[in-house]
Amino acid sequence: MGLFGERVVERKFYGSGGQGTGRPGSATGIRRSMQGAGMPATRVITSPVSGHFYRRPKPDAPPFVEEGQRVEAGQTIGMVEAAKQFTEVKSVSSGTLAEFAVHDRQKLAEGDTIARIAEP
């Protein structure tokens, strides 16, 4: 306990090369080593605006793309509707659409994750 009854918490930080450096991005080495071990790199596609996400151009049309399907950089994977304006959501890279993080017609905020692309 501190002088006036408040709780004192001690935190230990270690220098470079040690655990818990506390620096942003310190997990980068882990991610790279996992990729080197045969795990594919993934890219995240985020929402350009707040609104509702749609996987298909019309209610009776097939989806732009399905999970597990190959996509090319710039390919449309969905749309976000905000105030009756539709914004296309495009793949940020070529690869396999690993997963959608949102459901069809789900409301989302700008910057929310929509999908992940696994790069070869």
PDB file of N, CA and C in Angstrom:
ATOM      1  N   MET A   1       0.830  -1.183   0.000  1.00  0.00           N
ATOM      2  CA  MET A   1       0.000   0.000   0.000  1.00  0.00           C
ATOM      3  C   MET A   1       0.872   1.243   0.000  1.00  0.00           C
ATOM      4  N   GLY A   2       0.401   2.257  -0.667  1.00  0.00           N
ATOM      5  CA  GLY A   2       1.123   3.522  -0.711  1.00  0.00           C
ATOM      6  C   GLY A   2       0.894   4.337   0.551  1.00  0.00           C
ATOM      7  N   LEU A   3       1.429   5.500   0.568  1.00  0.00           N
ATOM      8  CA  LEU A   3       1.391   6.375   1.724  1.00  0.00           C
ATOM      9  C   LEU A   3      -0.026   6.708   2.172  1.00  0.00           C
ATOM     10  N   PHE A   4      -0.948   6.931   1.245  1.00  0.00           N
ATOM     11  CA  PHE A   4      -2.310   7.313   1.601  1.00  0.00           C
ATOM     12  C   PHE A   4      -3.319   6.205   1.350  1.00  0.00           C
ATOM     13  N   GLY A   5      -2.883   4.962   1.359  1.00  0.00           N
ATOM     14  CA  GLY A   5      -3.780   3.834   1.203  1.00  0.00           C
ATOM     15  C   GLY A   5      -4.013   3.403  -0.229  1.00  0.00           C
ATOM     16  N   GLU A   6      -3.458   4.131  -1.205  1.00  0.00           N
ATOM     17  CA  GLU A   6      -3.646   3.712  -2.593  1.00  0.00           C
ATOM     18  C   GLU A   6      -2.729   2.537  -2.897  1.00  0.00           C
ATOM     19  N   ARG A   7      -3.147   1.733  -3.814  1.00  0.00           N
ATOM     20  CA  ARG A   7      -2.400   0.543  -4.185  1.00  0.00           C
ATOM     21  C   ARG A   7      -1.264   0.915  -5.134  1.00  0.00           C
ATOM     22  N   VAL A   8      -0.099   0.389  -4.908  1.00  0.00           N
ATOM     23  CA  VAL A   8       1.061   0.652  -5.748  1.00  0.00           C
ATOM     24  C   VAL A   8       1.315  -0.577  -6.606  1.00  0.00           C
ATOM     25  N   VAL A   9       1.428  -0.382  -7.917  1.00  0.00           N
ATOM     26  CA  VAL A   9       1.680  -1.481  -8.840  1.00  0.00           C
ATOM     27  C   VAL A   9       3.035  -1.247  -9.489  1.00  0.00           C
ATOM     28  N   GLU A  10       3.904  -2.239  -9.412  1.00  0.00           N
ATOM     29  CA  GLU A  10       5.221  -2.150 -10.032  1.00  0.00           C
ATOM     30  C   GLU A  10       5.204  -2.948 -11.323  1.00  0.00           C
ATOM     31  N   ARG A  11       5.659  -2.343 -12.401  1.00  0.00           N
ATOM     32  CA  ARG A  11       5.720  -3.025 -13.694  1.00  0.00           C
ATOM     33  C   ARG A  11       7.162  -3.085 -14.147  1.00  0.00           C
ATOM     34  N   LYS A  12       7.543  -4.225 -14.665  1.00  0.00           N
ATOM     35  CA  LYS A  12       8.911  -4.402 -15.139  1.00  0.00           C
ATOM     36  C   LYS A  12       8.922  -4.455 -16.661  1.00  0.00           C
ATOM     37  N   PHE A  13       9.824  -3.704 -17.249  1.00  0.00           N
ATOM     38  CA  PHE A  13      10.024  -3.722 -18.689  1.00  0.00           C
ATOM     39  C   PHE A  13      11.463  -4.125 -18.945  1.00  0.00           C
ATOM     40  N   TYR A  14      11.671  -4.909 -19.945  1.00  0.00           N
ATOM     41  CA  TYR A  14      13.001  -5.390 -20.273  1.00  0.00           C
ATOM     42  C   TYR A  14      13.487  -4.706 -21.531  1.00  0.00           C
ATOM     43  N   GLY A  15      14.774  -4.643 -21.712  1.00  0.00           N
ATOM     44  CA  GLY A  15      15.368  -4.004 -22.885  1.00  0.00           C
ATOM     45  C   GLY A  15      15.132  -4.803 -24.145  1.00  0.00           C
ATOM     46  N   SER A  16      15.711  -4.356 -25.241  1.00  0.00           N
ATOM     47  CA  SER A  16      15.505  -5.019 -26.525  1.00  0.00           C
ATOM     48  C   SER A  16      15.995  -6.452 -26.471  1.00  0.00           C
ATOM     49  N   GLY A  17      15.260  -7.306 -27.125  1.00  0.00           N
ATOM     50  CA  GLY A  17      15.597  -8.716 -27.151  1.00  0.00           C
ATOM     51  C   GLY A  17      14.946  -9.488 -26.027  1.00  0.00           C
ATOM     52  N   GLY A  18      14.451  -8.807 -25.022  1.00  0.00           N
ATOM     53  CA  GLY A  18      13.802  -9.481 -23.904  1.00  0.00           C
ATOM     54  C   GLY A  18      12.312  -9.483 -24.065  1.00  0.00           C
ATOM     55  N   GLN A  19      11.643 -10.026 -23.079  1.00  0.00           N
ATOM     56  CA  GLN A  19      10.189 -10.057 -23.121  1.00  0.00           C
ATOM     57  C   GLN A  19       9.640  -8.738 -22.617  1.00  0.00           C
ATOM     58  N   GLY A  20       8.439  -8.407 -23.057  1.00  0.00           N
ATOM     59  CA  GLY A  20       7.717  -7.260 -22.526  1.00  0.00           C
ATOM     60  C   GLY A  20       8.394  -5.927 -22.750  1.00  0.00           C
ATOM     61  N   THR A  21       8.891  -5.657 -23.913  1.00  0.00           N
ATOM     62  CA  THR A  21       9.551  -4.383 -24.168  1.00  0.00           C
ATOM     63  C   THR A  21       8.571  -3.228 -24.107  1.00  0.00           C
ATOM     64  N   GLY A  22       7.293  -3.508 -24.279  1.00  0.00           N
ATOM     65  CA  GLY A  22       6.290  -2.464 -24.205  1.00  0.00           C
ATOM     66  C   GLY A  22       6.240  -1.568 -25.425  1.00  0.00           C
ATOM     67  N   ARG A  23       7.019  -1.844 -26.438  1.00  0.00           N
ATOM     68  CA  ARG A  23       7.014  -1.028 -27.644  1.00  0.00           C
ATOM     69  C   ARG A  23       5.929  -1.503 -28.590  1.00  0.00           C
ATOM     70  N   PRO A  24       5.221  -0.569 -29.228  1.00  0.00           N
ATOM     71  CA  PRO A  24       4.252  -0.990 -30.231  1.00  0.00           C
ATOM     72  C   PRO A  24       4.963  -1.749 -31.342  1.00  0.00           C
ATOM     73  N   GLY A  25       4.340  -2.794 -31.813  1.00  0.00           N
ATOM     74  CA  GLY A  25       4.913  -3.566 -32.906  1.00  0.00           C
ATOM     75  C   GLY A  25       5.938  -4.586 -32.460  1.00  0.00           C
ATOM     76  N   SER A  26       6.072  -4.801 -31.140  1.00  0.00           N
ATOM     77  CA  SER A  26       7.089  -5.736 -30.672  1.00  0.00           C
ATOM     78  C   SER A  26       6.742  -7.178 -31.012  1.00  0.00           C
ATOM     79  N   ALA A  27       5.513  -7.440 -31.442  1.00  0.00           N
ATOM     80  CA  ALA A  27       5.124  -8.803 -31.818  1.00  0.00           C
ATOM     81  C   ALA A  27       5.444  -9.099 -33.279  1.00  0.00           C
ATOM     82  N   THR A  28       6.039  -8.146 -33.980  1.00  0.00           N
ATOM     83  CA  THR A  28       6.313  -8.338 -35.397  1.00  0.00           C
ATOM     84  C   THR A  28       7.195  -9.541 -35.663  1.00  0.00           C
ATOM     85  N   GLY A  29       8.197  -9.744 -34.843  1.00  0.00           N
ATOM     86  CA  GLY A  29       9.086 -10.883 -35.028  1.00  0.00           C
ATOM     87  C   GLY A  29       8.350 -12.200 -34.924  1.00  0.00           C
ATOM     88  N   ILE A  30       7.387 -12.274 -34.016  1.00  0.00           N
ATOM     89  CA  ILE A  30       6.590 -13.492 -33.860  1.00  0.00           C
ATOM     90  C   ILE A  30       5.793 -13.740 -35.127  1.00  0.00           C
ATOM     91  N   ARG A  31       5.166 -12.705 -35.652  1.00  0.00           N
ATOM     92  CA  ARG A  31       4.365 -12.862 -36.865  1.00  0.00           C
ATOM     93  C   ARG A  31       5.236 -13.318 -38.031  1.00  0.00           C
ATOM     94  N   ARG A  32       6.387 -12.712 -38.159  1.00  0.00           N
ATOM     95  CA  ARG A  32       7.278 -13.089 -39.261  1.00  0.00           C
ATOM     96  C   ARG A  32       7.755 -14.524 -39.119  1.00  0.00           C
ATOM     97  N   SER A  33       8.074 -14.944 -37.893  1.00  0.00           N
ATOM     98  CA  SER A  33       8.562 -16.314 -37.722  1.00  0.00           C
ATOM     99  C   SER A  33       7.455 -17.315 -38.003  1.00  0.00           C
ATOM    100  N   MET A  34       6.216 -16.962 -37.676  1.00  0.00           N
ATOM    101  CA  MET A  34       5.098 -17.852 -37.971  1.00  0.00           C
ATOM    102  C   MET A  34       4.918 -17.962 -39.477  1.00  0.00           C
ATOM    103  N   GLN A  35       5.075 -16.855 -40.200  1.00  0.00           N
ATOM    104  CA  GLN A  35       4.945 -16.886 -41.648  1.00  0.00           C
ATOM    105  C   GLN A  35       6.052 -17.734 -42.250  1.00  0.00           C
ATOM    106  N   GLY A  36       7.239 -17.647 -41.692  1.00  0.00           N
ATOM    107  CA  GLY A  36       8.356 -18.431 -42.184  1.00  0.00           C
ATOM    108  C   GLY A  36       8.166 -19.914 -41.941  1.00  0.00           C
ATOM    109  N   ALA A  37       7.302 -20.261 -40.987  1.00  0.00           N
ATOM    110  CA  ALA A  37       7.054 -21.664 -40.662  1.00  0.00           C
ATOM    111  C   ALA A  37       5.948 -22.254 -41.530  1.00  0.00           C
ATOM    112  N   GLY A  38       5.631 -21.615 -42.642  1.00  0.00           N
ATOM    113  CA  GLY A  38       4.638 -22.153 -43.563  1.00  0.00           C
ATOM    114  C   GLY A  38       3.245 -21.586 -43.384  1.00  0.00           C
ATOM    115  N   MET A  39       3.062 -20.638 -42.469  1.00  0.00           N
ATOM    116  CA  MET A  39       1.749 -20.022 -42.293  1.00  0.00           C
ATOM    117  C   MET A  39       1.645 -18.843 -43.258  1.00  0.00           C
ATOM    118  N   PRO A  40       0.540 -18.727 -43.989  1.00  0.00           N
ATOM    119  CA  PRO A  40       0.424 -17.641 -44.961  1.00  0.00           C
ATOM    120  C   PRO A  40       0.256 -16.288 -44.278  1.00  0.00           C
ATOM    121  N   ALA A  41       0.748 -15.250 -44.934  1.00  0.00           N
ATOM    122  CA  ALA A  41       0.523 -13.892 -44.461  1.00  0.00           C
ATOM    123  C   ALA A  41      -0.927 -13.535 -44.748  1.00  0.00           C
ATOM    124  N   THR A  42      -1.530 -12.723 -43.905  1.00  0.00           N
ATOM    125  CA  THR A  42      -2.903 -12.299 -44.156  1.00  0.00           C
ATOM    126  C   THR A  42      -2.967 -10.785 -44.216  1.00  0.00           C
ATOM    127  N   ARG A  43      -3.852 -10.281 -45.058  1.00  0.00           N
ATOM    128  CA  ARG A  43      -4.116  -8.850 -45.170  1.00  0.00           C
ATOM    129  C   ARG A  43      -5.558  -8.628 -44.764  1.00  0.00           C
ATOM    130  N   VAL A  44      -5.799  -7.541 -44.076  1.00  0.00           N
ATOM    131  CA  VAL A  44      -7.130  -7.221 -43.576  1.00  0.00           C
ATOM    132  C   VAL A  44      -7.770  -6.176 -44.480  1.00  0.00           C
ATOM    133  N   ILE A  45      -9.035  -6.384 -44.821  1.00  0.00           N
ATOM    134  CA  ILE A  45      -9.814  -5.407 -45.581  1.00  0.00           C
ATOM    135  C   ILE A  45     -10.747  -4.735 -44.590  1.00  0.00           C
ATOM    136  N   THR A  46     -10.685  -3.413 -44.514  1.00  0.00           N
ATOM    137  CA  THR A  46     -11.515  -2.670 -43.567  1.00  0.00           C
ATOM    138  C   THR A  46     -12.558  -1.833 -44.299  1.00  0.00           C
ATOM    139  N   SER A  47     -13.568  -1.438 -43.562  1.00  0.00           N
ATOM    140  CA  SER A  47     -14.652  -0.654 -44.144  1.00  0.00           C
ATOM    141  C   SER A  47     -14.199   0.780 -44.406  1.00  0.00           C
ATOM    142  N   PRO A  48     -14.448   1.287 -45.612  1.00  0.00           N
ATOM    143  CA  PRO A  48     -14.060   2.660 -45.927  1.00  0.00           C
ATOM    144  C   PRO A  48     -14.979   3.700 -45.284  1.00  0.00           C
ATOM    145  N   VAL A  49     -16.217   3.296 -44.954  1.00  0.00           N
ATOM    146  CA  VAL A  49     -17.205   4.198 -44.350  1.00  0.00           C
ATOM    147  C   VAL A  49     -18.079   3.410 -43.376  1.00  0.00           C
ATOM    148  N   SER A  50     -18.834   4.120 -42.551  1.00  0.00           N
ATOM    149  CA  SER A  50     -19.830   3.476 -41.694  1.00  0.00           C
ATOM    150  C   SER A  50     -21.074   3.193 -42.522  1.00  0.00           C
ATOM    151  N   GLY A  51     -21.746   2.089 -42.242  1.00  0.00           N
ATOM    152  CA  GLY A  51     -22.959   1.744 -42.976  1.00  0.00           C
ATOM    153  C   GLY A  51     -23.283   0.279 -42.837  1.00  0.00           C
ATOM    154  N   HIS A  52     -23.997  -0.266 -43.810  1.00  0.00           N
ATOM    155  CA  HIS A  52     -24.364  -1.684 -43.827  1.00  0.00           C
ATOM    156  C   HIS A  52     -23.581  -2.387 -44.933  1.00  0.00           C
ATOM    157  N   PHE A  53     -23.020  -3.546 -44.591  1.00  0.00           N
ATOM    158  CA  PHE A  53     -22.221  -4.310 -45.545  1.00  0.00           C
ATOM    159  C   PHE A  53     -23.102  -5.279 -46.310  1.00  0.00           C
ATOM    160  N   TYR A  54     -22.894  -5.348 -47.620  1.00  0.00           N
ATOM    161  CA  TYR A  54     -23.628  -6.275 -48.483  1.00  0.00           C
ATOM    162  C   TYR A  54     -22.628  -7.111 -49.271  1.00  0.00           C
ATOM    163  N   ARG A  55     -22.833  -8.423 -49.277  1.00  0.00           N
ATOM    164  CA  ARG A  55     -21.955  -9.335 -50.016  1.00  0.00           C
ATOM    165  C   ARG A  55     -22.376  -9.512 -51.464  1.00  0.00           C
ATOM    166  N   ARG A  56     -23.555  -9.021 -51.839  1.00  0.00           N
ATOM    167  CA  ARG A  56     -24.069  -9.223 -53.201  1.00  0.00           C
ATOM    168  C   ARG A  56     -24.557  -7.892 -53.779  1.00  0.00           C
ATOM    169  N   PRO A  57     -24.510  -7.752 -55.113  1.00  0.00           N
ATOM    170  CA  PRO A  57     -24.924  -6.492 -55.732  1.00  0.00           C
ATOM    171  C   PRO A  57     -26.426  -6.238 -55.662  1.00  0.00           C
ATOM    172  N   LYS A  58     -27.228  -7.306 -55.637  1.00  0.00           N
ATOM    173  CA  LYS A  58     -28.692  -7.224 -55.529  1.00  0.00           C
ATOM    174  C   LYS A  58     -29.142  -8.357 -54.613  1.00  0.00           C
ATOM    175  N   PRO A  59     -30.300  -8.221 -53.987  1.00  0.00           N
ATOM    176  CA  PRO A  59     -30.761  -9.280 -53.074  1.00  0.00           C
ATOM    177  C   PRO A  59     -30.871 -10.662 -53.714  1.00  0.00           C
ATOM    178  N   ASP A  60     -31.217 -10.718 -55.007  1.00  0.00           N
ATOM    179  CA  ASP A  60     -31.396 -12.014 -55.669  1.00  0.00           C
ATOM    180  C   ASP A  60     -30.155 -12.470 -56.448  1.00  0.00           C
ATOM    181  N   ALA A  61     -29.069 -11.719 -56.365  1.00  0.00           N
ATOM    182  CA  ALA A  61     -27.833 -12.057 -57.091  1.00  0.00           C
ATOM    183  C   ALA A  61     -26.893 -12.877 -56.206  1.00  0.00           C
ATOM    184  N   PRO A  62     -26.004 -13.640 -56.824  1.00  0.00           N
ATOM    185  CA  PRO A  62     -25.011 -14.377 -56.027  1.00  0.00           C
ATOM    186  C   PRO A  62     -24.010 -13.403 -55.396  1.00  0.00           C
ATOM    187  N   PRO A  63     -23.327 -13.828 -54.328  1.00  0.00           N
ATOM    188  CA  PRO A  63     -22.321 -12.963 -53.695  1.00  0.00           C
ATOM    189  C   PRO A  63     -21.191 -12.609 -54.667  1.00  0.00           C
ATOM    190  N   PHE A  64     -20.562 -11.478 -54.426  1.00  0.00           N
ATOM    191  CA  PHE A  64     -19.407 -11.083 -55.238  1.00  0.00           C
ATOM    192  C   PHE A  64     -18.333 -12.160 -55.172  1.00  0.00           C
ATOM    193  N   VAL A  65     -18.110 -12.709 -53.980  1.00  0.00           N
ATOM    194  CA  VAL A  65     -17.066 -13.707 -53.768  1.00  0.00           C
ATOM    195  C   VAL A  65     -17.430 -14.542 -52.537  1.00  0.00           C
ATOM    196  N   GLU A  66     -16.974 -15.789 -52.528  1.00  0.00           N
ATOM    197  CA  GLU A  66     -17.220 -16.696 -51.398  1.00  0.00           C
ATOM    198  C   GLU A  66     -15.922 -16.914 -50.622  1.00  0.00           C
ATOM    199  N   GLU A  67     -16.044 -17.268 -49.352  1.00  0.00           N
ATOM    200  CA  GLU A  67     -14.869 -17.625 -48.566  1.00  0.00           C
ATOM    201  C   GLU A  67     -14.173 -18.807 -49.233  1.00  0.00           C
ATOM    202  N   GLY A  68     -12.852 -18.775 -49.257  1.00  0.00           N
ATOM    203  CA  GLY A  68     -12.075 -19.835 -49.885  1.00  0.00           C
ATOM    204  C   GLY A  68     -11.800 -19.606 -51.358  1.00  0.00           C
ATOM    205  N   GLN A  69     -12.428 -18.601 -51.943  1.00  0.00           N
ATOM    206  CA  GLN A  69     -12.258 -18.309 -53.366  1.00  0.00           C
ATOM    207  C   GLN A  69     -11.041 -17.414 -53.589  1.00  0.00           C
ATOM    208  N   ARG A  70     -10.369 -17.595 -54.710  1.00  0.00           N
ATOM    209  CA  ARG A  70      -9.227 -16.760 -55.091  1.00  0.00           C
ATOM    210  C   ARG A  70      -9.739 -15.389 -55.508  1.00  0.00           C
ATOM    211  N   VAL A  71      -9.056 -14.325 -55.038  1.00  0.00           N
ATOM    212  CA  VAL A  71      -9.401 -12.955 -55.419  1.00  0.00           C
ATOM    213  C   VAL A  71      -8.144 -12.251 -55.911  1.00  0.00           C
ATOM    214  N   GLU A  72      -8.348 -11.258 -56.744  1.00  0.00           N
ATOM    215  CA  GLU A  72      -7.242 -10.452 -57.264  1.00  0.00           C
ATOM    216  C   GLU A  72      -7.281  -9.075 -56.611  1.00  0.00           C
ATOM    217  N   ALA A  73      -6.138  -8.420 -56.539  1.00  0.00           N
ATOM    218  CA  ALA A  73      -6.072  -7.062 -55.995  1.00  0.00           C
ATOM    219  C   ALA A  73      -7.019  -6.161 -56.784  1.00  0.00           C
ATOM    220  N   GLY A  74      -7.829  -5.395 -56.084  1.00  0.00           N
ATOM    221  CA  GLY A  74      -8.776  -4.494 -56.733  1.00  0.00           C
ATOM    222  C   GLY A  74     -10.125  -5.108 -57.057  1.00  0.00           C
ATOM    223  N   GLN A  75     -10.284  -6.414 -56.848  1.00  0.00           N
ATOM    224  CA  GLN A  75     -11.556  -7.089 -57.124  1.00  0.00           C
ATOM    225  C   GLN A  75     -12.588  -6.711 -56.063  1.00  0.00           C
ATOM    226  N   THR A  76     -13.814  -6.435 -56.477  1.00  0.00           N
ATOM    227  CA  THR A  76     -14.891  -6.096 -55.551  1.00  0.00           C
ATOM    228  C   THR A  76     -15.310  -7.334 -54.777  1.00  0.00           C
ATOM    229  N   ILE A  77     -15.345  -7.209 -53.440  1.00  0.00           N
ATOM    230  CA  ILE A  77     -15.787  -8.328 -52.598  1.00  0.00           C
ATOM    231  C   ILE A  77     -17.100  -8.019 -51.885  1.00  0.00           C
ATOM    232  N   GLY A  78     -17.554  -6.762 -51.968  1.00  0.00           N
ATOM    233  CA  GLY A  78     -18.796  -6.373 -51.315  1.00  0.00           C
ATOM    234  C   GLY A  78     -19.039  -4.884 -51.486  1.00  0.00           C
ATOM    235  N   MET A  79     -20.087  -4.396 -50.798  1.00  0.00           N
ATOM    236  CA  MET A  79     -20.427  -2.977 -50.837  1.00  0.00           C
ATOM    237  C   MET A  79     -20.863  -2.536 -49.448  1.00  0.00           C
ATOM    238  N   VAL A  80     -20.632  -1.255 -49.153  1.00  0.00           N
ATOM    239  CA  VAL A  80     -21.134  -0.659 -47.918  1.00  0.00           C
ATOM    240  C   VAL A  80     -22.114   0.432 -48.322  1.00  0.00           C
ATOM    241  N   GLU A  81     -23.320   0.365 -47.757  1.00  0.00           N
ATOM    242  CA  GLU A  81     -24.365   1.351 -48.056  1.00  0.00           C
ATOM    243  C   GLU A  81     -24.483   2.313 -46.889  1.00  0.00           C
ATOM    244  N   ALA A  82     -24.385   3.600 -47.200  1.00  0.00           N
ATOM    245  CA  ALA A  82     -24.559   4.654 -46.204  1.00  0.00           C
ATOM    246  C   ALA A  82     -25.393   5.755 -46.840  1.00  0.00           C
ATOM    247  N   ALA A  83     -26.546   6.037 -46.269  1.00  0.00           N
ATOM    248  CA  ALA A  83     -27.439   7.084 -46.775  1.00  0.00           C
ATOM    249  C   ALA A  83     -27.752   6.887 -48.258  1.00  0.00           C
ATOM    250  N   LYS A  84     -28.067   5.655 -48.627  1.00  0.00           N
ATOM    251  CA  LYS A  84     -28.441   5.277 -49.996  1.00  0.00           C
ATOM    252  C   LYS A  84     -27.302   5.433 -51.002  1.00  0.00           C
ATOM    253  N   GLN A  85     -26.092   5.621 -50.531  1.00  0.00           N
ATOM    254  CA  GLN A  85     -24.909   5.668 -51.385  1.00  0.00           C
ATOM    255  C   GLN A  85     -24.128   4.376 -51.176  1.00  0.00           C
ATOM    256  N   PHE A  86     -23.751   3.714 -52.255  1.00  0.00           N
ATOM    257  CA  PHE A  86     -23.030   2.450 -52.170  1.00  0.00           C
ATOM    258  C   PHE A  86     -21.558   2.660 -52.503  1.00  0.00           C
ATOM    259  N   THR A  87     -20.697   2.159 -51.631  1.00  0.00           N
ATOM    260  CA  THR A  87     -19.252   2.219 -51.826  1.00  0.00           C
ATOM    261  C   THR A  87     -18.736   0.799 -51.992  1.00  0.00           C
ATOM    262  N   GLU A  88     -18.057   0.539 -53.096  1.00  0.00           N
ATOM    263  CA  GLU A  88     -17.509  -0.799 -53.317  1.00  0.00           C
ATOM    264  C   GLU A  88     -16.364  -1.061 -52.344  1.00  0.00           C
ATOM    265  N   VAL A  89     -16.300  -2.300 -51.868  1.00  0.00           N
ATOM    266  CA  VAL A  89     -15.192  -2.751 -51.028  1.00  0.00           C
ATOM    267  C   VAL A  89     -14.352  -3.663 -51.903  1.00  0.00           C
ATOM    268  N   LYS A  90     -13.082  -3.312 -52.068  1.00  0.00           N
ATOM    269  CA  LYS A  90     -12.210  -4.062 -52.974  1.00  0.00           C
ATOM    270  C   LYS A  90     -11.104  -4.770 -52.204  1.00  0.00           C
ATOM    271  N   SER A  91     -10.642  -5.875 -52.766  1.00  0.00           N
ATOM    272  CA  SER A  91      -9.541  -6.628 -52.171  1.00  0.00           C
ATOM    273  C   SER A  91      -8.270  -5.785 -52.211  1.00  0.00           C
ATOM    274  N   VAL A  92      -7.521  -5.816 -51.120  1.00  0.00           N
ATOM    275  CA  VAL A  92      -6.286  -5.041 -51.035  1.00  0.00           C
ATOM    276  C   VAL A  92      -5.099  -5.766 -51.655  1.00  0.00           C
ATOM    277  N   SER A  93      -5.252  -7.065 -51.890  1.00  0.00           N
ATOM    278  CA  SER A  93      -4.161  -7.844 -52.483  1.00  0.00           C
ATOM    279  C   SER A  93      -4.725  -9.097 -53.134  1.00  0.00           C
ATOM    280  N   SER A  94      -3.889  -9.773 -53.885  1.00  0.00           N
ATOM    281  CA  SER A  94      -4.284 -11.051 -54.477  1.00  0.00           C
ATOM    282  C   SER A  94      -4.050 -12.159 -53.464  1.00  0.00           C
ATOM    283  N   GLY A  95      -4.918 -13.155 -53.488  1.00  0.00           N
ATOM    284  CA  GLY A  95      -4.794 -14.283 -52.570  1.00  0.00           C
ATOM    285  C   GLY A  95      -6.115 -15.006 -52.454  1.00  0.00           C
ATOM    286  N   THR A  96      -6.302 -15.689 -51.334  1.00  0.00           N
ATOM    287  CA  THR A  96      -7.533 -16.423 -51.065  1.00  0.00           C
ATOM    288  C   THR A  96      -8.322 -15.698 -49.994  1.00  0.00           C
ATOM    289  N   LEU A  97      -9.614 -15.502 -50.229  1.00  0.00           N
ATOM    290  CA  LEU A  97     -10.448 -14.872 -49.214  1.00  0.00           C
ATOM    291  C   LEU A  97     -10.589 -15.872 -48.064  1.00  0.00           C
ATOM    292  N   ALA A  98      -9.849 -15.654 -47.003  1.00  0.00           N
ATOM    293  CA  ALA A  98      -9.810 -16.589 -45.879  1.00  0.00           C
ATOM    294  C   ALA A  98     -11.114 -16.577 -45.092  1.00  0.00           C
ATOM    295  N   GLU A  99     -11.647 -15.375 -44.828  1.00  0.00           N
ATOM    296  CA  GLU A  99     -12.896 -15.291 -44.071  1.00  0.00           C
ATOM    297  C   GLU A  99     -13.500 -13.903 -44.153  1.00  0.00           C
ATOM    298  N   PHE A 100     -14.811 -13.861 -44.002  1.00  0.00           N
ATOM    299  CA  PHE A 100     -15.517 -12.610 -43.794  1.00  0.00           C
ATOM    300  C   PHE A 100     -15.654 -12.435 -42.292  1.00  0.00           C
ATOM    301  N   ALA A 101     -15.353 -11.256 -41.793  1.00  0.00           N
ATOM    302  CA  ALA A 101     -15.475 -10.969 -40.365  1.00  0.00           C
ATOM    303  C   ALA A 101     -16.852 -10.403 -40.028  1.00  0.00           C
ATOM    304  N   VAL A 102     -17.656 -10.101 -41.044  1.00  0.00           N
ATOM    305  CA  VAL A 102     -19.004  -9.564 -40.848  1.00  0.00           C
ATOM    306  C   VAL A 102     -19.994 -10.371 -41.684  1.00  0.00           C
ATOM    307  N   HIS A 103     -21.253 -10.293 -41.302  1.00  0.00           N
ATOM    308  CA  HIS A 103     -22.317 -10.985 -42.028  1.00  0.00           C
ATOM    309  C   HIS A 103     -22.935 -10.050 -43.062  1.00  0.00           C
ATOM    310  N   ASP A 104     -23.622 -10.629 -44.021  1.00  0.00           N
ATOM    311  CA  ASP A 104     -24.354  -9.853 -45.011  1.00  0.00           C
ATOM    312  C   ASP A 104     -25.382  -8.977 -44.299  1.00  0.00           C
ATOM    313  N   ARG A 105     -25.464  -7.717 -44.685  1.00  0.00           N
ATOM    314  CA  ARG A 105     -26.390  -6.716 -44.143  1.00  0.00           C
ATOM    315  C   ARG A 105     -26.042  -6.258 -42.727  1.00  0.00           C
ATOM    316  N   GLN A 106     -24.859  -6.594 -42.256  1.00  0.00           N
ATOM    317  CA  GLN A 106     -24.459  -6.195 -40.903  1.00  0.00           C
ATOM    318  C   GLN A 106     -24.027  -4.739 -40.885  1.00  0.00           C
ATOM    319  N   LYS A 107     -24.414  -4.033 -39.818  1.00  0.00           N
ATOM    320  CA  LYS A 107     -24.001  -2.644 -39.645  1.00  0.00           C
ATOM    321  C   LYS A 107     -22.561  -2.627 -39.149  1.00  0.00           C
ATOM    322  N   LEU A 108     -21.765  -1.691 -39.704  1.00  0.00           N
ATOM    323  CA  LEU A 108     -20.386  -1.577 -39.258  1.00  0.00           C
ATOM    324  C   LEU A 108     -19.935  -0.128 -39.262  1.00  0.00           C
ATOM    325  N   ALA A 109     -18.826   0.112 -38.593  1.00  0.00           N
ATOM    326  CA  ALA A 109     -18.261   1.454 -38.510  1.00  0.00           C
ATOM    327  C   ALA A 109     -17.064   1.563 -39.446  1.00  0.00           C
ATOM    328  N   GLU A 110     -16.712   2.779 -39.797  1.00  0.00           N
ATOM    329  CA  GLU A 110     -15.526   3.000 -40.619  1.00  0.00           C
ATOM    330  C   GLU A 110     -14.316   2.384 -39.922  1.00  0.00           C
ATOM    331  N   GLY A 111     -13.542   1.612 -40.667  1.00  0.00           N
ATOM    332  CA  GLY A 111     -12.349   0.985 -40.113  1.00  0.00           C
ATOM    333  C   GLY A 111     -12.560  -0.409 -39.561  1.00  0.00           C
ATOM    334  N   ASP A 112     -13.826  -0.861 -39.432  1.00  0.00           N
ATOM    335  CA  ASP A 112     -14.087  -2.224 -38.957  1.00  0.00           C
ATOM    336  C   ASP A 112     -13.552  -3.234 -39.972  1.00  0.00           C
ATOM    337  N   THR A 113     -13.085  -4.363 -39.467  1.00  0.00           N
ATOM    338  CA  THR A 113     -12.594  -5.425 -40.345  1.00  0.00           C
ATOM    339  C   THR A 113     -13.762  -6.078 -41.069  1.00  0.00           C
ATOM    340  N   ILE A 114     -13.645  -6.196 -42.386  1.00  0.00           N
ATOM    341  CA  ILE A 114     -14.664  -6.851 -43.203  1.00  0.00           C
ATOM    342  C   ILE A 114     -14.224  -8.264 -43.556  1.00  0.00           C
ATOM    343  N   ALA A 115     -12.978  -8.411 -43.990  1.00  0.00           N
ATOM    344  CA  ALA A 115     -12.501  -9.723 -44.439  1.00  0.00           C
ATOM    345  C   ALA A 115     -10.992  -9.814 -44.290  1.00  0.00           C
ATOM    346  N   ARG A 116     -10.508 -11.045 -44.421  1.00  0.00           N
ATOM    347  CA  ARG A 116      -9.066 -11.304 -44.389  1.00  0.00           C
ATOM    348  C   ARG A 116      -8.675 -12.064 -45.660  1.00  0.00           C
ATOM    349  N   ILE A 117      -7.581 -11.636 -46.270  1.00  0.00           N
ATOM    350  CA  ILE A 117      -7.058 -12.272 -47.475  1.00  0.00           C
ATOM    351  C   ILE A 117      -5.763 -12.988 -47.106  1.00  0.00           C
ATOM    352  N   ALA A 118      -5.694 -14.276 -47.396  1.00  0.00           N
ATOM    353  CA  ALA A 118      -4.462 -15.042 -47.183  1.00  0.00           C
ATOM    354  C   ALA A 118      -3.627 -14.930 -48.447  1.00  0.00           C
ATOM    355  N   GLU A 119      -2.418 -14.408 -48.291  1.00  0.00           N
ATOM    356  CA  GLU A 119      -1.533 -14.246 -49.443  1.00  0.00           C
ATOM    357  C   GLU A 119      -0.659 -15.480 -49.600  1.00  0.00           C
ATOM    358  N   PRO A 120      -0.349 -15.828 -50.841  1.00  0.00           N
ATOM    359  CA  PRO A 120       0.495 -17.014 -51.072  1.00  0.00           C
ATOM    360  C   PRO A 120       1.918 -16.807 -50.578  1.00  0.00           C
TER     361      PRO A 120
END
